[in-house]
Amino acid sequence: MVTKNHRLVNYLLDTIVYTILLRVLTVLPIEFTHYYLFPALLYFLYYFIMELTLSQTVGKLLTGTKVVSSRNTRTNVLHIFMRTLLRFATPLDSFSYLMGKEQGIHDVLSRTRLVKP
């Protein structure tokens, strides 16, 4: 069973990876008008591409967890797109864990869940 501690470690590890990617890629010339858009786009693409192709981000890989559909099957593009989009659209998502939930709002609404196979 995946606990809130797994999720916290996943988040911290993924934040480290995202920050490294952001630091490496921001040395590339970016137009000033896109300066604020780029980090958000990179964040979205990091989660979307990793979870779509591997069902895992680096954090999930290191903790041995992965994303599956609520029916315990492999996720599809729509599941992962909704899951990733809801991370942005639901600013109170992280508070759902403080209320005793093992699933985030982005999991419930996208019909996905995190498992430890």
PDB file of N, CA and C in Angstrom:
ATOM      1  N   MET A   1       0.839  -1.189   0.000  1.00  0.00           N
ATOM      2  CA  MET A   1       0.000   0.000   0.000  1.00  0.00           C
ATOM      3  C   MET A   1       0.883   1.252   0.000  1.00  0.00           C
ATOM      4  N   VAL A   2       0.503   2.215  -0.800  1.00  0.00           N
ATOM      5  CA  VAL A   2       1.252   3.462  -0.895  1.00  0.00           C
ATOM      6  C   VAL A   2       0.747   4.420   0.186  1.00  0.00           C
ATOM      7  N   THR A   3       1.674   4.908   0.980  1.00  0.00           N
ATOM      8  CA  THR A   3       1.318   5.802   2.083  1.00  0.00           C
ATOM      9  C   THR A   3       1.594   7.255   1.708  1.00  0.00           C
ATOM     10  N   LYS A   4       1.177   8.133   2.602  1.00  0.00           N
ATOM     11  CA  LYS A   4       1.462   9.557   2.410  1.00  0.00           C
ATOM     12  C   LYS A   4       2.967   9.807   2.431  1.00  0.00           C
ATOM     13  N   ASN A   5       3.698   8.997   3.195  1.00  0.00           N
ATOM     14  CA  ASN A   5       5.159   9.142   3.235  1.00  0.00           C
ATOM     15  C   ASN A   5       5.782   8.845   1.877  1.00  0.00           C
ATOM     16  N   HIS A   6       5.287   7.800   1.189  1.00  0.00           N
ATOM     17  CA  HIS A   6       5.764   7.509  -0.171  1.00  0.00           C
ATOM     18  C   HIS A   6       5.531   8.717  -1.072  1.00  0.00           C
ATOM     19  N   ARG A   7       4.331   9.263  -0.978  1.00  0.00           N
ATOM     20  CA  ARG A   7       3.973  10.405  -1.819  1.00  0.00           C
ATOM     21  C   ARG A   7       4.857  11.611  -1.526  1.00  0.00           C
ATOM     22  N   LEU A   8       5.148  11.835  -0.255  1.00  0.00           N
ATOM     23  CA  LEU A   8       6.006  12.960   0.118  1.00  0.00           C
ATOM     24  C   LEU A   8       7.415  12.768  -0.433  1.00  0.00           C
ATOM     25  N   VAL A   9       7.958  11.562  -0.292  1.00  0.00           N
ATOM     26  CA  VAL A   9       9.303  11.275  -0.822  1.00  0.00           C
ATOM     27  C   VAL A   9       9.299  11.412  -2.341  1.00  0.00           C
ATOM     28  N   ASN A  10       8.264  10.890  -3.006  1.00  0.00           N
ATOM     29  CA  ASN A  10       8.142  11.045  -4.466  1.00  0.00           C
ATOM     30  C   ASN A  10       8.182  12.518  -4.847  1.00  0.00           C
ATOM     31  N   TYR A  11       7.399  13.316  -4.146  1.00  0.00           N
ATOM     32  CA  TYR A  11       7.318  14.748  -4.437  1.00  0.00           C
ATOM     33  C   TYR A  11       8.678  15.422  -4.253  1.00  0.00           C
ATOM     34  N   LEU A  12       9.351  15.123  -3.158  1.00  0.00           N
ATOM     35  CA  LEU A  12      10.652  15.744  -2.891  1.00  0.00           C
ATOM     36  C   LEU A  12      11.688  15.341  -3.940  1.00  0.00           C
ATOM     37  N   LEU A  13      11.731  14.051  -4.282  1.00  0.00           N
ATOM     38  CA  LEU A  13      12.680  13.579  -5.301  1.00  0.00           C
ATOM     39  C   LEU A  13      12.374  14.197  -6.666  1.00  0.00           C
ATOM     40  N   ASP A  14      11.095  14.246  -7.025  1.00  0.00           N
ATOM     41  CA  ASP A  14      10.716  14.841  -8.312  1.00  0.00           C
ATOM     42  C   ASP A  14      10.996  16.338  -8.345  1.00  0.00           C
ATOM     43  N   THR A  15      10.864  17.001  -7.218  1.00  0.00           N
ATOM     44  CA  THR A  15      11.192  18.424  -7.149  1.00  0.00           C
ATOM     45  C   THR A  15      12.679  18.647  -7.383  1.00  0.00           C
ATOM     46  N   ILE A  16      13.505  17.770  -6.841  1.00  0.00           N
ATOM     47  CA  ILE A  16      14.954  17.862  -7.070  1.00  0.00           C
ATOM     48  C   ILE A  16      15.263  17.667  -8.554  1.00  0.00           C
ATOM     49  N   VAL A  17      14.680  16.635  -9.163  1.00  0.00           N
ATOM     50  CA  VAL A  17      14.911  16.362 -10.592  1.00  0.00           C
ATOM     51  C   VAL A  17      14.420  17.535 -11.439  1.00  0.00           C
ATOM     52  N   TYR A  18      13.223  18.031 -11.144  1.00  0.00           N
ATOM     53  CA  TYR A  18      12.660  19.164 -11.886  1.00  0.00           C
ATOM     54  C   TYR A  18      13.562  20.393 -11.761  1.00  0.00           C
ATOM     55  N   THR A  19      14.049  20.660 -10.567  1.00  0.00           N
ATOM     56  CA  THR A  19      14.911  21.826 -10.343  1.00  0.00           C
ATOM     57  C   THR A  19      16.211  21.708 -11.127  1.00  0.00           C
ATOM     58  N   ILE A  20      16.784  20.517 -11.156  1.00  0.00           N
ATOM     59  CA  ILE A  20      18.007  20.293 -11.938  1.00  0.00           C
ATOM     60  C   ILE A  20      17.724  20.522 -13.424  1.00  0.00           C
ATOM     61  N   LEU A  21      16.634  19.943 -13.921  1.00  0.00           N
ATOM     62  CA  LEU A  21      16.263  20.142 -15.330  1.00  0.00           C
ATOM     63  C   LEU A  21      16.057  21.623 -15.637  1.00  0.00           C
ATOM     64  N   LEU A  22      15.376  22.307 -14.747  1.00  0.00           N
ATOM     65  CA  LEU A  22      15.111  23.728 -14.949  1.00  0.00           C
ATOM     66  C   LEU A  22      16.402  24.528 -14.985  1.00  0.00           C
ATOM     67  N   ARG A  23      17.320  24.236 -14.082  1.00  0.00           N
ATOM     68  CA  ARG A  23      18.603  24.956 -14.039  1.00  0.00           C
ATOM     69  C   ARG A  23      19.422  24.695 -15.305  1.00  0.00           C
ATOM     70  N   VAL A  24      19.437  23.453 -15.760  1.00  0.00           N
ATOM     71  CA  VAL A  24      20.200  23.108 -16.961  1.00  0.00           C
ATOM     72  C   VAL A  24      19.581  23.768 -18.193  1.00  0.00           C
ATOM     73  N   LEU A  25      18.273  23.704 -18.299  1.00  0.00           N
ATOM     74  CA  LEU A  25      17.606  24.208 -19.502  1.00  0.00           C
ATOM     75  C   LEU A  25      17.453  25.722 -19.526  1.00  0.00           C
ATOM     76  N   THR A  26      17.521  26.390 -18.386  1.00  0.00           N
ATOM     77  CA  THR A  26      17.374  27.846 -18.409  1.00  0.00           C
ATOM     78  C   THR A  26      18.656  28.555 -18.799  1.00  0.00           C
ATOM     79  N   VAL A  27      19.735  27.821 -18.998  1.00  0.00           N
ATOM     80  CA  VAL A  27      20.930  28.461 -19.552  1.00  0.00           C
ATOM     81  C   VAL A  27      20.746  28.693 -21.047  1.00  0.00           C
ATOM     82  N   LEU A  28      19.762  28.006 -21.627  1.00  0.00           N
ATOM     83  CA  LEU A  28      19.439  28.235 -23.030  1.00  0.00           C
ATOM     84  C   LEU A  28      18.740  29.583 -23.151  1.00  0.00           C
ATOM     85  N   PRO A  29      18.970  30.298 -24.248  1.00  0.00           N
ATOM     86  CA  PRO A  29      18.306  31.601 -24.389  1.00  0.00           C
ATOM     87  C   PRO A  29      16.789  31.435 -24.525  1.00  0.00           C
ATOM     88  N   ILE A  30      16.073  32.109 -23.660  1.00  0.00           N
ATOM     89  CA  ILE A  30      14.612  32.088 -23.694  1.00  0.00           C
ATOM     90  C   ILE A  30      14.148  33.532 -23.750  1.00  0.00           C
ATOM     91  N   GLU A  31      13.200  33.801 -24.610  1.00  0.00           N
ATOM     92  CA  GLU A  31      12.678  35.159 -24.684  1.00  0.00           C
ATOM     93  C   GLU A  31      12.063  35.535 -23.348  1.00  0.00           C
ATOM     94  N   PHE A  32      12.247  36.766 -22.947  1.00  0.00           N
ATOM     95  CA  PHE A  32      11.754  37.228 -21.649  1.00  0.00           C
ATOM     96  C   PHE A  32      10.249  37.006 -21.492  1.00  0.00           C
ATOM     97  N   THR A  33       9.490  37.121 -22.579  1.00  0.00           N
ATOM     98  CA  THR A  33       8.039  36.946 -22.501  1.00  0.00           C
ATOM     99  C   THR A  33       7.657  35.516 -22.141  1.00  0.00           C
ATOM    100  N   HIS A  34       8.556  34.571 -22.375  1.00  0.00           N
ATOM    101  CA  HIS A  34       8.280  33.170 -22.070  1.00  0.00           C
ATOM    102  C   HIS A  34       8.938  32.725 -20.768  1.00  0.00           C
ATOM    103  N   TYR A  35       9.567  33.645 -20.078  1.00  0.00           N
ATOM    104  CA  TYR A  35      10.331  33.300 -18.881  1.00  0.00           C
ATOM    105  C   TYR A  35       9.479  32.628 -17.806  1.00  0.00           C
ATOM    106  N   TYR A  36       8.249  33.081 -17.624  1.00  0.00           N
ATOM    107  CA  TYR A  36       7.385  32.496 -16.600  1.00  0.00           C
ATOM    108  C   TYR A  36       6.616  31.283 -17.119  1.00  0.00           C
ATOM    109  N   LEU A  37       6.432  31.205 -18.403  1.00  0.00           N
ATOM    110  CA  LEU A  37       5.721  30.078 -18.992  1.00  0.00           C
ATOM    111  C   LEU A  37       6.593  28.827 -19.014  1.00  0.00           C
ATOM    112  N   PHE A  38       7.872  28.986 -19.232  1.00  0.00           N
ATOM    113  CA  PHE A  38       8.770  27.842 -19.385  1.00  0.00           C
ATOM    114  C   PHE A  38       8.795  26.912 -18.166  1.00  0.00           C
ATOM    115  N   PRO A  39       8.955  27.405 -16.933  1.00  0.00           N
ATOM    116  CA  PRO A  39       8.962  26.487 -15.780  1.00  0.00           C
ATOM    117  C   PRO A  39       7.659  25.698 -15.640  1.00  0.00           C
ATOM    118  N   ALA A  40       6.527  26.341 -15.897  1.00  0.00           N
ATOM    119  CA  ALA A  40       5.241  25.647 -15.805  1.00  0.00           C
ATOM    120  C   ALA A  40       5.125  24.582 -16.889  1.00  0.00           C
ATOM    121  N   LEU A  41       5.556  24.913 -18.088  1.00  0.00           N
ATOM    122  CA  LEU A  41       5.520  23.950 -19.187  1.00  0.00           C
ATOM    123  C   LEU A  41       6.448  22.773 -18.910  1.00  0.00           C
ATOM    124  N   LEU A  42       7.634  23.048 -18.408  1.00  0.00           N
ATOM    125  CA  LEU A  42       8.577  21.978 -18.074  1.00  0.00           C
ATOM    126  C   LEU A  42       8.007  21.073 -16.991  1.00  0.00           C
ATOM    127  N   TYR A  43       7.390  21.645 -15.969  1.00  0.00           N
ATOM    128  CA  TYR A  43       6.771  20.879 -14.884  1.00  0.00           C
ATOM    129  C   TYR A  43       5.692  19.953 -15.448  1.00  0.00           C
ATOM    130  N   PHE A  44       4.821  20.516 -16.295  1.00  0.00           N
ATOM    131  CA  PHE A  44       3.753  19.724 -16.906  1.00  0.00           C
ATOM    132  C   PHE A  44       4.336  18.588 -17.738  1.00  0.00           C
ATOM    133  N   LEU A  45       5.291  18.920 -18.604  1.00  0.00           N
ATOM    134  CA  LEU A  45       5.873  17.910 -19.494  1.00  0.00           C
ATOM    135  C   LEU A  45       6.636  16.837 -18.732  1.00  0.00           C
ATOM    136  N   TYR A  46       7.325  17.204 -17.661  1.00  0.00           N
ATOM    137  CA  TYR A  46       8.060  16.217 -16.855  1.00  0.00           C
ATOM    138  C   TYR A  46       7.099  15.137 -16.355  1.00  0.00           C
ATOM    139  N   TYR A  47       6.028  15.553 -15.693  1.00  0.00           N
ATOM    140  CA  TYR A  47       5.074  14.579 -15.159  1.00  0.00           C
ATOM    141  C   TYR A  47       4.339  13.845 -16.279  1.00  0.00           C
ATOM    142  N   PHE A  48       3.895  14.585 -17.297  1.00  0.00           N
ATOM    143  CA  PHE A  48       3.109  13.977 -18.362  1.00  0.00           C
ATOM    144  C   PHE A  48       3.911  12.925 -19.124  1.00  0.00           C
ATOM    145  N   ILE A  49       5.094  13.264 -19.580  1.00  0.00           N
ATOM    146  CA  ILE A  49       5.899  12.333 -20.383  1.00  0.00           C
ATOM    147  C   ILE A  49       6.355  11.134 -19.555  1.00  0.00           C
ATOM    148  N   MET A  50       6.834  11.384 -18.344  1.00  0.00           N
ATOM    149  CA  MET A  50       7.321  10.279 -17.507  1.00  0.00           C
ATOM    150  C   MET A  50       6.195   9.310 -17.148  1.00  0.00           C
ATOM    151  N   GLU A  51       5.054   9.841 -16.712  1.00  0.00           N
ATOM    152  CA  GLU A  51       3.960   8.959 -16.301  1.00  0.00           C
ATOM    153  C   GLU A  51       3.278   8.300 -17.494  1.00  0.00           C
ATOM    154  N   LEU A  52       3.282   8.950 -18.640  1.00  0.00           N
ATOM    155  CA  LEU A  52       2.688   8.344 -19.831  1.00  0.00           C
ATOM    156  C   LEU A  52       3.552   7.204 -20.357  1.00  0.00           C
ATOM    157  N   THR A  53       4.855   7.407 -20.393  1.00  0.00           N
ATOM    158  CA  THR A  53       5.736   6.395 -20.985  1.00  0.00           C
ATOM    159  C   THR A  53       6.140   5.295 -20.006  1.00  0.00           C
ATOM    160  N   LEU A  54       6.379   5.649 -18.756  1.00  0.00           N
ATOM    161  CA  LEU A  54       6.887   4.668 -17.784  1.00  0.00           C
ATOM    162  C   LEU A  54       5.916   4.357 -16.644  1.00  0.00           C
ATOM    163  N   SER A  55       4.822   5.089 -16.576  1.00  0.00           N
ATOM    164  CA  SER A  55       3.894   5.029 -15.435  1.00  0.00           C
ATOM    165  C   SER A  55       4.570   5.459 -14.142  1.00  0.00           C
ATOM    166  N   GLN A  56       5.700   6.121 -14.260  1.00  0.00           N
ATOM    167  CA  GLN A  56       6.479   6.546 -13.101  1.00  0.00           C
ATOM    168  C   GLN A  56       7.251   7.813 -13.431  1.00  0.00           C
ATOM    169  N   THR A  57       7.495   8.596 -12.394  1.00  0.00           N
ATOM    170  CA  THR A  57       8.471   9.672 -12.480  1.00  0.00           C
ATOM    171  C   THR A  57       9.741   9.138 -11.829  1.00  0.00           C
ATOM    172  N   VAL A  58      10.787   9.918 -11.798  1.00  0.00           N
ATOM    173  CA  VAL A  58      12.026   9.475 -11.152  1.00  0.00           C
ATOM    174  C   VAL A  58      11.771   9.179  -9.675  1.00  0.00           C
ATOM    175  N   GLY A  59      11.007  10.042  -9.011  1.00  0.00           N
ATOM    176  CA  GLY A  59      10.681   9.813  -7.601  1.00  0.00           C
ATOM    177  C   GLY A  59       9.947   8.508  -7.387  1.00  0.00           C
ATOM    178  N   LYS A  60       8.963   8.226  -8.227  1.00  0.00           N
ATOM    179  CA  LYS A  60       8.201   6.979  -8.109  1.00  0.00           C
ATOM    180  C   LYS A  60       9.084   5.776  -8.418  1.00  0.00           C
ATOM    181  N   LEU A  61       9.967   5.916  -9.382  1.00  0.00           N
ATOM    182  CA  LEU A  61      10.891   4.836  -9.723  1.00  0.00           C
ATOM    183  C   LEU A  61      11.769   4.486  -8.523  1.00  0.00           C
ATOM    184  N   LEU A  62      12.283   5.505  -7.847  1.00  0.00           N
ATOM    185  CA  LEU A  62      13.169   5.275  -6.704  1.00  0.00           C
ATOM    186  C   LEU A  62      12.437   4.728  -5.482  1.00  0.00           C
ATOM    187  N   THR A  63      11.137   5.000  -5.363  1.00  0.00           N
ATOM    188  CA  THR A  63      10.376   4.461  -4.230  1.00  0.00           C
ATOM    189  C   THR A  63       9.600   3.204  -4.592  1.00  0.00           C
ATOM    190  N   GLY A  64       9.707   2.784  -5.855  1.00  0.00           N
ATOM    191  CA  GLY A  64       9.043   1.553  -6.277  1.00  0.00           C
ATOM    192  C   GLY A  64       7.533   1.681  -6.398  1.00  0.00           C
ATOM    193  N   THR A  65       7.050   2.874  -6.718  1.00  0.00           N
ATOM    194  CA  THR A  65       5.614   3.068  -6.905  1.00  0.00           C
ATOM    195  C   THR A  65       5.340   3.429  -8.358  1.00  0.00           C
ATOM    196  N   LYS A  66       4.097   3.213  -8.789  1.00  0.00           N
ATOM    197  CA  LYS A  66       3.736   3.585 -10.156  1.00  0.00           C
ATOM    198  C   LYS A  66       2.262   3.942 -10.234  1.00  0.00           C
ATOM    199  N   VAL A  67       1.901   4.611 -11.302  1.00  0.00           N
ATOM    200  CA  VAL A  67       0.530   5.066 -11.529  1.00  0.00           C
ATOM    201  C   VAL A  67      -0.211   4.020 -12.352  1.00  0.00           C
ATOM    202  N   VAL A  68      -1.409   3.673 -11.892  1.00  0.00           N
ATOM    203  CA  VAL A  68      -2.295   2.778 -12.639  1.00  0.00           C
ATOM    204  C   VAL A  68      -3.682   3.411 -12.663  1.00  0.00           C
ATOM    205  N   SER A  69      -4.547   2.876 -13.499  1.00  0.00           N
ATOM    206  CA  SER A  69      -5.926   3.365 -13.515  1.00  0.00           C
ATOM    207  C   SER A  69      -6.627   2.879 -12.246  1.00  0.00           C
ATOM    208  N   SER A  70      -7.778   3.441 -11.957  1.00  0.00           N
ATOM    209  CA  SER A  70      -8.516   3.028 -10.761  1.00  0.00           C
ATOM    210  C   SER A  70      -8.960   1.571 -10.847  1.00  0.00           C
ATOM    211  N   ARG A  71      -8.901   0.996 -12.042  1.00  0.00           N
ATOM    212  CA  ARG A  71      -9.237  -0.427 -12.235  1.00  0.00           C
ATOM    213  C   ARG A  71      -7.998  -1.317 -12.215  1.00  0.00           C
ATOM    214  N   ASN A  72      -6.877  -0.737 -11.813  1.00  0.00           N
ATOM    215  CA  ASN A  72      -5.604  -1.469 -11.716  1.00  0.00           C
ATOM    216  C   ASN A  72      -5.024  -1.868 -13.065  1.00  0.00           C
ATOM    217  N   THR A  73      -5.366  -1.147 -14.116  1.00  0.00           N
ATOM    218  CA  THR A  73      -4.812  -1.416 -15.437  1.00  0.00           C
ATOM    219  C   THR A  73      -3.881  -0.272 -15.822  1.00  0.00           C
ATOM    220  N   ARG A  74      -3.156  -0.460 -16.901  1.00  0.00           N
ATOM    221  CA  ARG A  74      -2.256   0.595 -17.372  1.00  0.00           C
ATOM    222  C   ARG A  74      -3.072   1.828 -17.746  1.00  0.00           C
ATOM    223  N   THR A  75      -2.530   2.973 -17.461  1.00  0.00           N
ATOM    224  CA  THR A  75      -3.223   4.222 -17.774  1.00  0.00           C
ATOM    225  C   THR A  75      -3.112   4.545 -19.260  1.00  0.00           C
ATOM    226  N   ASN A  76      -3.999   5.409 -19.723  1.00  0.00           N
ATOM    227  CA  ASN A  76      -3.937   5.858 -21.111  1.00  0.00           C
ATOM    228  C   ASN A  76      -3.620   7.357 -21.146  1.00  0.00           C
ATOM    229  N   VAL A  77      -3.552   7.910 -22.332  1.00  0.00           N
ATOM    230  CA  VAL A  77      -3.192   9.317 -22.507  1.00  0.00           C
ATOM    231  C   VAL A  77      -4.166  10.227 -21.760  1.00  0.00           C
ATOM    232  N   LEU A  78      -5.446   9.941 -21.835  1.00  0.00           N
ATOM    233  CA  LEU A  78      -6.439  10.785 -21.168  1.00  0.00           C
ATOM    234  C   LEU A  78      -6.260  10.762 -19.650  1.00  0.00           C
ATOM    235  N   HIS A  79      -6.048   9.578 -19.077  1.00  0.00           N
ATOM    236  CA  HIS A  79      -5.807   9.483 -17.625  1.00  0.00           C
ATOM    237  C   HIS A  79      -4.644  10.389 -17.212  1.00  0.00           C
ATOM    238  N   ILE A  80      -3.533  10.244 -17.914  1.00  0.00           N
ATOM    239  CA  ILE A  80      -2.318  10.970 -17.525  1.00  0.00           C
ATOM    240  C   ILE A  80      -2.455  12.461 -17.814  1.00  0.00           C
ATOM    241  N   PHE A  81      -3.077  12.807 -18.931  1.00  0.00           N
ATOM    242  CA  PHE A  81      -3.285  14.225 -19.226  1.00  0.00           C
ATOM    243  C   PHE A  81      -4.133  14.872 -18.132  1.00  0.00           C
ATOM    244  N   MET A  82      -5.228  14.227 -17.765  1.00  0.00           N
ATOM    245  CA  MET A  82      -6.103  14.767 -16.717  1.00  0.00           C
ATOM    246  C   MET A  82      -5.369  14.829 -15.379  1.00  0.00           C
ATOM    247  N   ARG A  83      -4.646  13.789 -15.050  1.00  0.00           N
ATOM    248  CA  ARG A  83      -3.900  13.733 -13.784  1.00  0.00           C
ATOM    249  C   ARG A  83      -2.905  14.891 -13.698  1.00  0.00           C
ATOM    250  N   THR A  84      -2.169  15.114 -14.777  1.00  0.00           N
ATOM    251  CA  THR A  84      -1.159  16.169 -14.795  1.00  0.00           C
ATOM    252  C   THR A  84      -1.812  17.546 -14.786  1.00  0.00           C
ATOM    253  N   LEU A  85      -2.833  17.733 -15.583  1.00  0.00           N
ATOM    254  CA  LEU A  85      -3.539  19.011 -15.629  1.00  0.00           C
ATOM    255  C   LEU A  85      -4.156  19.353 -14.272  1.00  0.00           C
ATOM    256  N   LEU A  86      -4.708  18.359 -13.600  1.00  0.00           N
ATOM    257  CA  LEU A  86      -5.352  18.596 -12.308  1.00  0.00           C
ATOM    258  C   LEU A  86      -4.356  18.979 -11.221  1.00  0.00           C
ATOM    259  N   ARG A  87      -3.103  18.641 -11.398  1.00  0.00           N
ATOM    260  CA  ARG A  87      -2.085  19.108 -10.447  1.00  0.00           C
ATOM    261  C   ARG A  87      -2.018  20.632 -10.447  1.00  0.00           C
ATOM    262  N   PHE A  88      -2.190  21.227 -11.632  1.00  0.00           N
ATOM    263  CA  PHE A  88      -2.189  22.689 -11.762  1.00  0.00           C
ATOM    264  C   PHE A  88      -3.536  23.281 -11.353  1.00  0.00           C
ATOM    265  N   ALA A  89      -4.601  22.662 -11.815  1.00  0.00           N
ATOM    266  CA  ALA A  89      -5.942  23.225 -11.660  1.00  0.00           C
ATOM    267  C   ALA A  89      -6.495  23.080 -10.247  1.00  0.00           C
ATOM    268  N   THR A  90      -5.873  22.267  -9.439  1.00  0.00           N
ATOM    269  CA  THR A  90      -6.376  22.014  -8.096  1.00  0.00           C
ATOM    270  C   THR A  90      -5.328  22.436  -7.076  1.00  0.00           C
ATOM    271  N   PRO A  91      -5.253  23.725  -6.762  1.00  0.00           N
ATOM    272  CA  PRO A  91      -4.211  24.194  -5.851  1.00  0.00           C
ATOM    273  C   PRO A  91      -4.326  23.623  -4.438  1.00  0.00           C
ATOM    274  N   LEU A  92      -5.490  23.149  -4.066  1.00  0.00           N
ATOM    275  CA  LEU A  92      -5.666  22.581  -2.730  1.00  0.00           C
ATOM    276  C   LEU A  92      -5.390  21.082  -2.691  1.00  0.00           C
ATOM    277  N   ASP A  93      -4.884  20.538  -3.779  1.00  0.00           N
ATOM    278  CA  ASP A  93      -4.635  19.101  -3.881  1.00  0.00           C
ATOM    279  C   ASP A  93      -3.783  18.578  -2.731  1.00  0.00           C
ATOM    280  N   SER A  94      -2.714  19.261  -2.391  1.00  0.00           N
ATOM    281  CA  SER A  94      -1.828  18.764  -1.336  1.00  0.00           C
ATOM    282  C   SER A  94      -2.506  18.760   0.027  1.00  0.00           C
ATOM    283  N   PHE A  95      -3.512  19.602   0.220  1.00  0.00           N
ATOM    284  CA  PHE A  95      -4.213  19.606   1.502  1.00  0.00           C
ATOM    285  C   PHE A  95      -5.092  18.373   1.688  1.00  0.00           C
ATOM    286  N   SER A  96      -5.445  17.697   0.600  1.00  0.00           N
ATOM    287  CA  SER A  96      -6.268  16.493   0.731  1.00  0.00           C
ATOM    288  C   SER A  96      -5.537  15.417   1.528  1.00  0.00           C
ATOM    289  N   TYR A  97      -4.210  15.414   1.477  1.00  0.00           N
ATOM    290  CA  TYR A  97      -3.432  14.442   2.244  1.00  0.00           C
ATOM    291  C   TYR A  97      -3.453  14.759   3.731  1.00  0.00           C
ATOM    292  N   LEU A  98      -3.564  16.033   4.071  1.00  0.00           N
ATOM    293  CA  LEU A  98      -3.610  16.438   5.476  1.00  0.00           C
ATOM    294  C   LEU A  98      -4.929  16.053   6.132  1.00  0.00           C
ATOM    295  N   MET A  99      -5.929  15.792   5.325  1.00  0.00           N
ATOM    296  CA  MET A  99      -7.242  15.428   5.850  1.00  0.00           C
ATOM    297  C   MET A  99      -7.421  13.920   5.919  1.00  0.00           C
ATOM    298  N   GLY A 100      -6.327  13.174   5.909  1.00  0.00           N
ATOM    299  CA  GLY A 100      -6.405  11.732   6.082  1.00  0.00           C
ATOM    300  C   GLY A 100      -6.574  10.933   4.811  1.00  0.00           C
ATOM    301  N   LYS A 101      -6.594  11.578   3.675  1.00  0.00           N
ATOM    302  CA  LYS A 101      -6.777  10.864   2.408  1.00  0.00           C
ATOM    303  C   LYS A 101      -5.446  10.283   1.937  1.00  0.00           C
ATOM    304  N   GLU A 102      -5.499   9.086   1.370  1.00  0.00           N
ATOM    305  CA  GLU A 102      -4.307   8.476   0.775  1.00  0.00           C
ATOM    306  C   GLU A 102      -4.229   8.788  -0.714  1.00  0.00           C
ATOM    307  N   GLN A 103      -5.288   9.364  -1.260  1.00  0.00           N
ATOM    308  CA  GLN A 103      -5.340   9.727  -2.674  1.00  0.00           C
ATOM    309  C   GLN A 103      -5.495  11.228  -2.791  1.00  0.00           C
ATOM    310  N   GLY A 104      -4.776  11.810  -3.732  1.00  0.00           N
ATOM    311  CA  GLY A 104      -4.932  13.232  -3.984  1.00  0.00           C
ATOM    312  C   GLY A 104      -6.146  13.487  -4.853  1.00  0.00           C
ATOM    313  N   ILE A 105      -6.580  14.730  -4.885  1.00  0.00           N
ATOM    314  CA  ILE A 105      -7.720  15.097  -5.721  1.00  0.00           C
ATOM    315  C   ILE A 105      -7.416  14.783  -7.180  1.00  0.00           C
ATOM    316  N   HIS A 106      -6.148  14.983  -7.600  1.00  0.00           N
ATOM    317  CA  HIS A 106      -5.781  14.692  -8.992  1.00  0.00           C
ATOM    318  C   HIS A 106      -5.914  13.204  -9.303  1.00  0.00           C
ATOM    319  N   ASP A 107      -5.746  12.340  -8.300  1.00  0.00           N
ATOM    320  CA  ASP A 107      -5.943  10.894  -8.495  1.00  0.00           C
ATOM    321  C   ASP A 107      -7.428  10.567  -8.653  1.00  0.00           C
ATOM    322  N   VAL A 108      -8.229  11.077  -7.743  1.00  0.00           N
ATOM    323  CA  VAL A 108      -9.659  10.762  -7.735  1.00  0.00           C
ATOM    324  C   VAL A 108     -10.326  11.226  -9.024  1.00  0.00           C
ATOM    325  N   LEU A 109     -10.080  12.477  -9.412  1.00  0.00           N
ATOM    326  CA  LEU A 109     -10.751  13.029 -10.593  1.00  0.00           C
ATOM    327  C   LEU A 109     -10.239  12.446 -11.907  1.00  0.00           C
ATOM    328  N   SER A 110      -9.003  11.988 -11.943  1.00  0.00           N
ATOM    329  CA  SER A 110      -8.466  11.397 -13.181  1.00  0.00           C
ATOM    330  C   SER A 110      -8.640   9.879 -13.211  1.00  0.00           C
ATOM    331  N   ARG A 111      -9.227   9.335 -12.161  1.00  0.00           N
ATOM    332  CA  ARG A 111      -9.456   7.885 -12.040  1.00  0.00           C
ATOM    333  C   ARG A 111      -8.149   7.094 -12.125  1.00  0.00           C
ATOM    334  N   THR A 112      -7.172   7.596 -11.382  1.00  0.00           N
ATOM    335  CA  THR A 112      -5.886   6.900 -11.284  1.00  0.00           C
ATOM    336  C   THR A 112      -5.563   6.691  -9.816  1.00  0.00           C
ATOM    337  N   ARG A 113      -4.566   5.868  -9.584  1.00  0.00           N
ATOM    338  CA  ARG A 113      -4.079   5.692  -8.222  1.00  0.00           C
ATOM    339  C   ARG A 113      -2.626   5.284  -8.264  1.00  0.00           C
ATOM    340  N   LEU A 114      -1.985   5.401  -7.144  1.00  0.00           N
ATOM    341  CA  LEU A 114      -0.578   5.060  -7.012  1.00  0.00           C
ATOM    342  C   LEU A 114      -0.487   3.721  -6.305  1.00  0.00           C
ATOM    343  N   VAL A 115       0.306   2.800  -6.863  1.00  0.00           N
ATOM    344  CA  VAL A 115       0.456   1.475  -6.255  1.00  0.00           C
ATOM    345  C   VAL A 115       1.932   1.155  -6.076  1.00  0.00           C
ATOM    346  N   LYS A 116       2.169   0.207  -5.201  1.00  0.00           N
ATOM    347  CA  LYS A 116       3.519  -0.312  -4.999  1.00  0.00           C
ATOM    348  C   LYS A 116       3.449  -1.797  -5.349  1.00  0.00           C
ATOM    349  N   PRO A 117       3.792  -2.124  -6.607  1.00  0.00           N
ATOM    350  CA  PRO A 117       3.636  -3.521  -7.068  1.00  0.00           C
ATOM    351  C   PRO A 117       4.552  -4.498  -6.347  1.00  0.00           C
TER     352      PRO A 117
END
